[in-house]
Protein backbone atom coordinates (compact mmCIF):
# COMPACT_ATOMS: atom_id res chain seq x y z
CA UNK A 1 1.17 -11.55 12.07
CA UNK A 2 2.89 -8.48 13.29
CA UNK A 3 2.79 -5.25 11.61
CA UNK A 4 6.15 -5.36 10.87
CA UNK A 5 5.52 -8.33 8.60
CA UNK A 6 1.92 -6.90 7.43
CA UNK A 7 4.12 -4.05 5.99
CA UNK A 8 6.64 -6.05 4.45
CA UNK A 9 4.13 -8.85 2.64
CA UNK A 10 2.67 -5.53 1.28
CA UNK A 11 5.49 -3.54 0.14
CA UNK A 12 6.43 -7.46 -1.72
CA UNK A 13 3.22 -7.32 -3.22
CA UNK A 14 3.88 -3.50 -4.61
CA UNK A 15 7.44 -4.38 -5.84
CA UNK A 16 5.23 -7.51 -7.89
CA UNK A 17 2.51 -5.27 -9.43
CA UNK A 18 3.27 -3.57 -12.73
CA UNK A 19 1.31 -0.85 -12.14
CA UNK A 20 1.98 0.36 -8.52
CA UNK A 21 5.80 2.07 -8.66
CA UNK A 22 6.66 1.02 -4.94
CA UNK A 23 9.47 3.07 -4.59
CA UNK A 24 7.56 6.01 -4.38
CA UNK A 25 4.89 5.17 -2.05
CA UNK A 26 5.41 4.23 1.71
CA UNK A 27 3.71 1.78 3.88
CA UNK A 28 3.31 1.49 7.56
CA UNK A 29 1.09 -0.61 9.77
CA UNK A 30 -0.07 -0.43 13.32
CA UNK A 31 -2.36 -2.58 14.99
CA UNK A 32 -3.79 -4.00 11.55
CA UNK A 33 -4.21 -0.55 9.89
CA UNK A 34 -2.29 -0.17 6.93
CA UNK A 35 -1.37 3.61 6.17
CA UNK A 36 -0.56 4.29 2.34
CA UNK A 37 1.29 7.72 1.51
CA UNK A 38 3.57 8.98 -1.21
CA UNK A 39 2.44 10.05 -4.87
CA UNK A 40 1.09 8.33 -7.22
CA UNK A 41 1.55 8.34 -11.15
CA UNK A 42 -2.53 7.83 -11.66
CA UNK A 43 -5.79 6.83 -9.92
CA UNK A 44 -5.30 4.06 -10.94
CA UNK A 45 -2.21 3.44 -9.11
CA UNK A 46 -3.62 4.84 -6.08
CA UNK A 47 -6.36 2.45 -6.67
CA UNK A 48 -4.23 -0.46 -7.14
CA UNK A 49 -2.17 0.27 -4.22
CA UNK A 50 -5.23 0.08 -2.26
CA UNK A 51 -6.55 -2.88 -3.36
CA UNK A 52 -3.55 -4.77 -3.21
CA UNK A 53 -2.88 -3.61 0.82
CA UNK A 54 -7.16 -4.43 1.68
CA UNK A 55 -6.38 -7.92 -0.17
CA UNK A 56 -3.22 -8.87 1.98
CA UNK A 57 -3.00 -11.31 4.85
CA UNK A 58 -4.30 -9.40 8.43
CA UNK A 59 -5.03 -5.97 7.21
CA UNK A 60 -8.03 -4.46 9.53
CA UNK A 61 -8.17 -1.36 7.53
CA UNK A 62 -6.33 0.84 5.03
CA UNK A 63 -5.90 4.45 5.11
CA UNK A 64 -4.99 5.32 1.58
CA UNK A 65 -3.33 9.12 1.94
CA UNK A 66 -1.57 8.77 -1.42
CA UNK A 67 -1.77 11.62 -3.66
CA UNK A 68 -2.07 11.32 -7.51
CA UNK A 69 0.74 13.89 -9.17
CA UNK A 70 -1.07 15.89 -12.03
């Protein structure tokens, strides 16, 4: 699976999730490493986004740069 397919799969899972607001998060993948960025409404949303990415196929590691809005 290439990086584009990984990014697409993670984004699709974000859209399906009720906690994660997919529109406010960015997903980029390079050599199987997924980088998450953007703004989350809560620490729960940030953690859930990371969990979804980590549990996606062919993801080697996740860098979670999501910022929780105060």
